[in-house]
Amino acid sequence: MGHHVLPGNPPIAVTLRRSARARRISLRVSGLDGRVTLTMPRGLPEREGLDFARSKQDWLAQQLMRQEPEVQVSIGAVLPVEGQEMTIAPGTGRRVVAEEGRLLVPGAPDSAAARVQAWLRTLARERLVAASDRHAAALGRSYGRITLRDTRSRWGSCTADAGLMYSWRLILAPPEVLDYVAAHEVAHLQEMNHSPAFWALVDQLLPGYAAPRKWLRVNGGTLHRYRF
């Protein structure tokens, strides 16, 4: 891998990758962190790749401007819960309470982020267990255990020993998106691939899965902008 900076306003950092499989030059802007990657076939001179990147500089600048700014979770911040925007506000008592567009968080303001994250993870586990149970029952299958992580590369996975892993950030997305990921991973209990048989199974578990799948492809990166 090589690193280059395209001069300009703003200067744009580019990571250069060589790939034996690449047939042509491609340029990608990560929806998660705005990283720009230039992928090139093995034998092509570096100069040609950088010329290509320079020719796309205006497009790159536009893509980077569209990047969603990060949101530091704290009192006063707004974040989605099950697709609904909620404003974090001071609360009383011992527990985080959701009511009418507000998330009431008790305790010291500097502990709000940790409290909100713990509350979201608990809610995510409830929703993901319920969805996984429902889809597994429809399939007549059982799974091992459910693990929640904060993964950037994937929203869920199914292990060979029937364990299910999910990103807890799915609780930020609309409920049908979380449901789609659960259906997708549970379908892997039967089909450990992405064959037509697998997608037929997902369709059986969740008819109309194409819409939440597309939502995740288009908007999934924004769920990582919330910093706890």
Protein backbone atom coordinates (compact mmCIF):
# COMPACT_ATOMS: atom_id res chain seq x y z
CA MET A 1 0.00 0.00 0.00
CA GLY A 2 1.18 3.52 -0.75
CA HIS A 3 -0.06 6.87 0.49
CA HIS A 4 -0.27 9.99 -1.68
CA VAL A 5 -1.76 13.43 -1.30
CA LEU A 6 -3.44 15.11 -4.27
CA PRO A 7 -2.62 18.83 -3.95
CA GLY A 8 -5.60 21.16 -4.16
CA ASN A 9 -8.20 22.86 -2.03
CA PRO A 10 -8.71 20.75 -0.02
CA PRO A 11 -5.72 18.39 -0.45
CA ILE A 12 -7.00 14.80 -0.65
CA ALA A 13 -5.15 11.84 0.88
CA VAL A 14 -5.28 8.71 -1.28
CA THR A 15 -4.32 5.15 -0.28
CA LEU A 16 -2.96 3.17 -3.22
CA ARG A 17 -3.71 -0.59 -3.36
CA ARG A 18 -2.44 -3.19 -5.81
CA SER A 19 -4.76 -6.08 -6.54
CA ALA A 20 -4.06 -9.20 -8.58
CA ARG A 21 -7.81 -9.47 -9.27
CA ALA A 22 -8.31 -5.86 -10.43
CA ARG A 23 -8.77 -5.51 -14.18
CA ARG A 24 -8.96 -1.72 -14.15
CA ILE A 25 -8.33 1.29 -11.93
CA SER A 26 -11.06 2.05 -9.39
CA LEU A 27 -11.51 4.87 -6.89
CA ARG A 28 -13.59 4.48 -3.76
CA VAL A 29 -14.62 6.84 -0.95
CA SER A 30 -15.53 5.01 2.27
CA GLY A 31 -18.97 5.94 3.57
CA LEU A 32 -17.68 5.27 7.10
CA ASP A 33 -14.64 7.46 7.45
CA GLY A 34 -14.17 9.23 4.10
CA ARG A 35 -10.99 7.31 3.31
CA VAL A 36 -10.11 7.43 -0.41
CA THR A 37 -8.71 4.18 -1.89
CA LEU A 38 -7.28 3.84 -5.39
CA THR A 39 -7.12 0.18 -6.49
CA MET A 40 -4.90 -0.72 -9.45
CA PRO A 41 -4.02 -3.85 -11.42
CA ARG A 42 -0.59 -5.28 -10.56
CA GLY A 43 1.41 -4.26 -13.64
CA LEU A 44 0.10 -0.74 -14.17
CA PRO A 45 2.52 2.17 -13.51
CA GLU A 46 1.66 4.13 -10.37
CA ARG A 47 1.74 7.34 -12.44
CA GLU A 48 -1.32 6.20 -14.44
CA GLY A 49 -3.29 5.53 -11.28
CA LEU A 50 -2.47 8.94 -9.85
CA ASP A 51 -3.34 10.62 -13.17
CA PHE A 52 -6.73 8.91 -12.98
CA ALA A 53 -7.22 10.10 -9.37
CA ARG A 54 -6.28 13.65 -10.36
CA SER A 55 -8.80 13.58 -13.22
CA LYS A 56 -11.50 12.69 -10.65
CA GLN A 57 -10.46 15.30 -8.07
CA ASP A 58 -13.66 17.39 -8.40
CA TRP A 59 -15.79 14.28 -7.96
CA LEU A 60 -13.73 13.25 -4.90
CA ALA A 61 -14.11 16.69 -3.32
CA GLN A 62 -17.91 16.46 -3.82
CA GLN A 63 -18.05 13.01 -2.24
CA LEU A 64 -16.02 14.17 0.76
CA MET A 65 -18.25 17.22 1.25
CA ARG A 66 -21.25 14.90 1.48
CA GLN A 67 -19.70 12.97 4.39
CA GLU A 68 -21.91 13.20 7.44
CA PRO A 69 -20.24 15.01 10.35
CA GLU A 70 -19.59 13.02 13.52
CA VAL A 71 -22.01 13.42 16.42
CA GLN A 72 -20.57 13.30 19.94
CA VAL A 73 -23.26 11.72 22.11
CA SER A 74 -23.95 14.01 25.08
CA ILE A 75 -26.78 16.01 26.67
CA GLY A 76 -28.46 18.02 23.89
CA ALA A 77 -27.30 15.76 21.04
CA VAL A 78 -29.80 14.12 18.69
CA LEU A 79 -29.54 10.47 17.66
CA PRO A 80 -31.93 7.97 16.08
CA VAL A 81 -33.43 5.14 18.13
CA GLU A 82 -35.21 2.55 15.95
CA GLY A 83 -35.15 5.15 13.18
CA GLN A 84 -36.79 7.92 15.25
CA GLU A 85 -34.75 11.00 16.14
CA MET A 86 -34.42 11.50 19.90
CA THR A 87 -32.89 14.43 21.79
CA ILE A 88 -30.79 13.46 24.81
CA ALA A 89 -31.96 15.42 27.86
CA PRO A 90 -31.23 15.32 31.62
CA GLY A 91 -33.45 12.87 33.50
CA THR A 92 -34.18 11.89 37.07
CA GLY A 93 -34.25 8.56 38.89
CA ARG A 94 -31.99 5.65 38.06
CA ARG A 95 -32.86 4.58 34.53
CA VAL A 96 -32.73 6.01 31.01
CA VAL A 97 -36.30 6.67 29.84
CA ALA A 98 -37.52 7.23 26.27
CA GLU A 99 -40.52 9.54 25.93
CA GLU A 100 -41.95 11.63 23.08
CA GLY A 101 -38.82 12.32 21.10
CA ARG A 102 -36.55 12.60 24.15
CA LEU A 103 -34.14 10.25 25.85
CA LEU A 104 -34.02 11.23 29.52
CA VAL A 105 -30.65 10.34 31.03
CA PRO A 106 -30.10 10.62 34.80
CA GLY A 107 -26.77 11.17 36.54
CA ALA A 108 -23.74 13.33 35.80
CA PRO A 109 -23.68 14.84 32.27
CA ASP A 110 -20.21 13.39 31.56
CA SER A 111 -21.57 9.87 32.05
CA ALA A 112 -24.47 10.39 29.59
CA ALA A 113 -22.71 8.79 26.60
CA ALA A 114 -21.86 5.59 28.52
CA ARG A 115 -25.39 5.37 29.94
CA VAL A 116 -27.01 5.89 26.53
CA GLN A 117 -24.76 3.27 24.95
CA ALA A 118 -25.57 0.71 27.68
CA TRP A 119 -29.31 1.42 27.25
CA LEU A 120 -29.06 1.08 23.44
CA ARG A 121 -27.16 -2.21 23.69
CA THR A 122 -29.78 -3.65 26.06
CA LEU A 123 -32.58 -2.60 23.70
CA ALA A 124 -30.63 -3.95 20.70
CA ARG A 125 -30.23 -7.34 22.41
CA GLU A 126 -33.97 -7.51 23.20
CA ARG A 127 -34.98 -6.68 19.63
CA LEU A 128 -32.36 -8.93 18.00
CA VAL A 129 -33.18 -11.92 20.24
CA ALA A 130 -36.91 -11.48 19.47
CA ALA A 131 -36.31 -11.20 15.70
CA SER A 132 -33.81 -14.10 15.64
CA ASP A 133 -36.20 -16.30 17.67
CA ARG A 134 -39.09 -15.50 15.32
CA HIS A 135 -37.12 -16.25 12.15
CA ALA A 136 -35.45 -19.37 13.59
CA ALA A 137 -38.86 -20.74 14.63
CA ALA A 138 -40.22 -20.10 11.11
CA LEU A 139 -37.26 -22.05 9.76
CA GLY A 140 -37.49 -24.83 12.35
CA ARG A 141 -33.86 -24.18 13.32
CA SER A 142 -32.14 -23.18 16.53
CA TYR A 143 -29.07 -21.01 17.05
CA GLY A 144 -26.32 -21.08 19.67
CA ARG A 145 -25.80 -17.69 21.23
CA ILE A 146 -26.15 -14.08 20.22
CA THR A 147 -23.13 -11.78 20.50
CA LEU A 148 -23.32 -8.01 20.08
CA ARG A 149 -20.30 -6.11 18.77
CA ASP A 150 -19.52 -2.72 17.26
CA THR A 151 -18.25 -3.95 13.89
CA ARG A 152 -17.58 -1.66 10.93
CA SER A 153 -17.13 -4.34 8.30
CA ARG A 154 -20.43 -6.20 8.72
CA TRP A 155 -23.83 -5.84 10.34
CA GLY A 156 -24.13 -9.49 11.28
CA SER A 157 -22.58 -12.91 10.84
CA CYS A 158 -23.38 -16.55 11.46
CA THR A 159 -20.66 -18.93 12.64
CA ALA A 160 -20.28 -22.60 11.75
CA ASP A 161 -21.42 -23.56 15.27
CA ALA A 162 -24.72 -21.64 14.79
CA GLY A 163 -23.73 -18.56 16.76
CA LEU A 164 -25.15 -15.22 15.63
CA MET A 165 -23.23 -11.95 15.82
CA TYR A 166 -24.84 -8.54 15.29
CA SER A 167 -23.77 -4.91 15.42
CA TRP A 168 -25.64 -3.25 18.29
CA ARG A 169 -25.84 -0.08 16.14
CA LEU A 170 -28.70 -1.74 14.23
CA ILE A 171 -30.93 -0.38 17.04
CA LEU A 172 -30.35 3.09 15.56
CA ALA A 173 -31.85 2.01 12.21
CA PRO A 174 -35.57 1.63 11.40
CA PRO A 175 -37.00 -1.64 12.89
CA GLU A 176 -37.42 -3.33 9.48
CA VAL A 177 -33.66 -2.93 8.88
CA LEU A 178 -32.78 -4.75 12.12
CA ASP A 179 -35.39 -7.38 11.18
CA TYR A 180 -33.79 -7.83 7.74
CA VAL A 181 -30.30 -8.42 9.21
CA ALA A 182 -31.76 -10.96 11.66
CA ALA A 183 -33.56 -12.78 8.79
CA HIS A 184 -30.33 -12.72 6.74
CA GLU A 185 -28.20 -14.25 9.50
CA VAL A 186 -30.82 -16.83 10.54
CA ALA A 187 -31.14 -17.91 6.88
CA HIS A 188 -27.40 -18.70 7.05
CA LEU A 189 -28.19 -21.38 9.66
CA GLN A 190 -29.59 -23.34 6.71
CA GLU A 191 -27.64 -21.95 3.74
CA MET A 192 -24.04 -20.91 4.54
CA ASN A 193 -23.67 -19.03 1.25
CA HIS A 194 -25.38 -16.33 -0.83
CA SER A 195 -26.87 -18.67 -3.43
CA PRO A 196 -30.33 -18.23 -5.02
CA ALA A 197 -31.57 -20.78 -2.43
CA PHE A 198 -30.30 -18.51 0.37
CA TRP A 199 -32.06 -15.40 -1.00
CA ALA A 200 -35.27 -17.41 -1.51
CA LEU A 201 -35.07 -18.29 2.18
CA VAL A 202 -34.60 -14.63 3.20
CA ASP A 203 -37.61 -13.75 1.03
CA GLN A 204 -39.65 -16.45 2.74
CA LEU A 205 -38.70 -15.12 6.19
CA LEU A 206 -39.08 -11.46 5.28
CA PRO A 207 -41.02 -10.73 2.08
CA GLY A 208 -40.00 -7.33 0.71
CA TYR A 209 -36.50 -7.55 2.21
CA ALA A 210 -35.06 -5.57 -0.75
CA ALA A 211 -36.14 -2.19 0.72
CA PRO A 212 -34.42 -2.56 4.14
CA ARG A 213 -31.40 -4.14 2.42
CA LYS A 214 -31.11 -1.06 0.20
CA TRP A 215 -31.58 1.27 3.21
CA LEU A 216 -28.59 -0.39 4.87
CA ARG A 217 -26.45 -0.14 1.74
CA VAL A 218 -27.27 3.56 1.27
CA ASN A 219 -27.51 4.77 4.89
CA GLY A 220 -25.67 2.17 6.98
CA GLY A 221 -22.48 4.23 7.13
CA THR A 222 -24.30 7.06 8.93
CA LEU A 223 -24.93 4.78 11.94
CA HIS A 224 -21.18 4.91 12.65
CA ARG A 225 -21.08 8.70 12.95
CA TYR A 226 -22.37 8.62 16.55
CA ARG A 227 -19.43 8.67 18.98
CA PHE A 228 -19.97 7.44 22.52
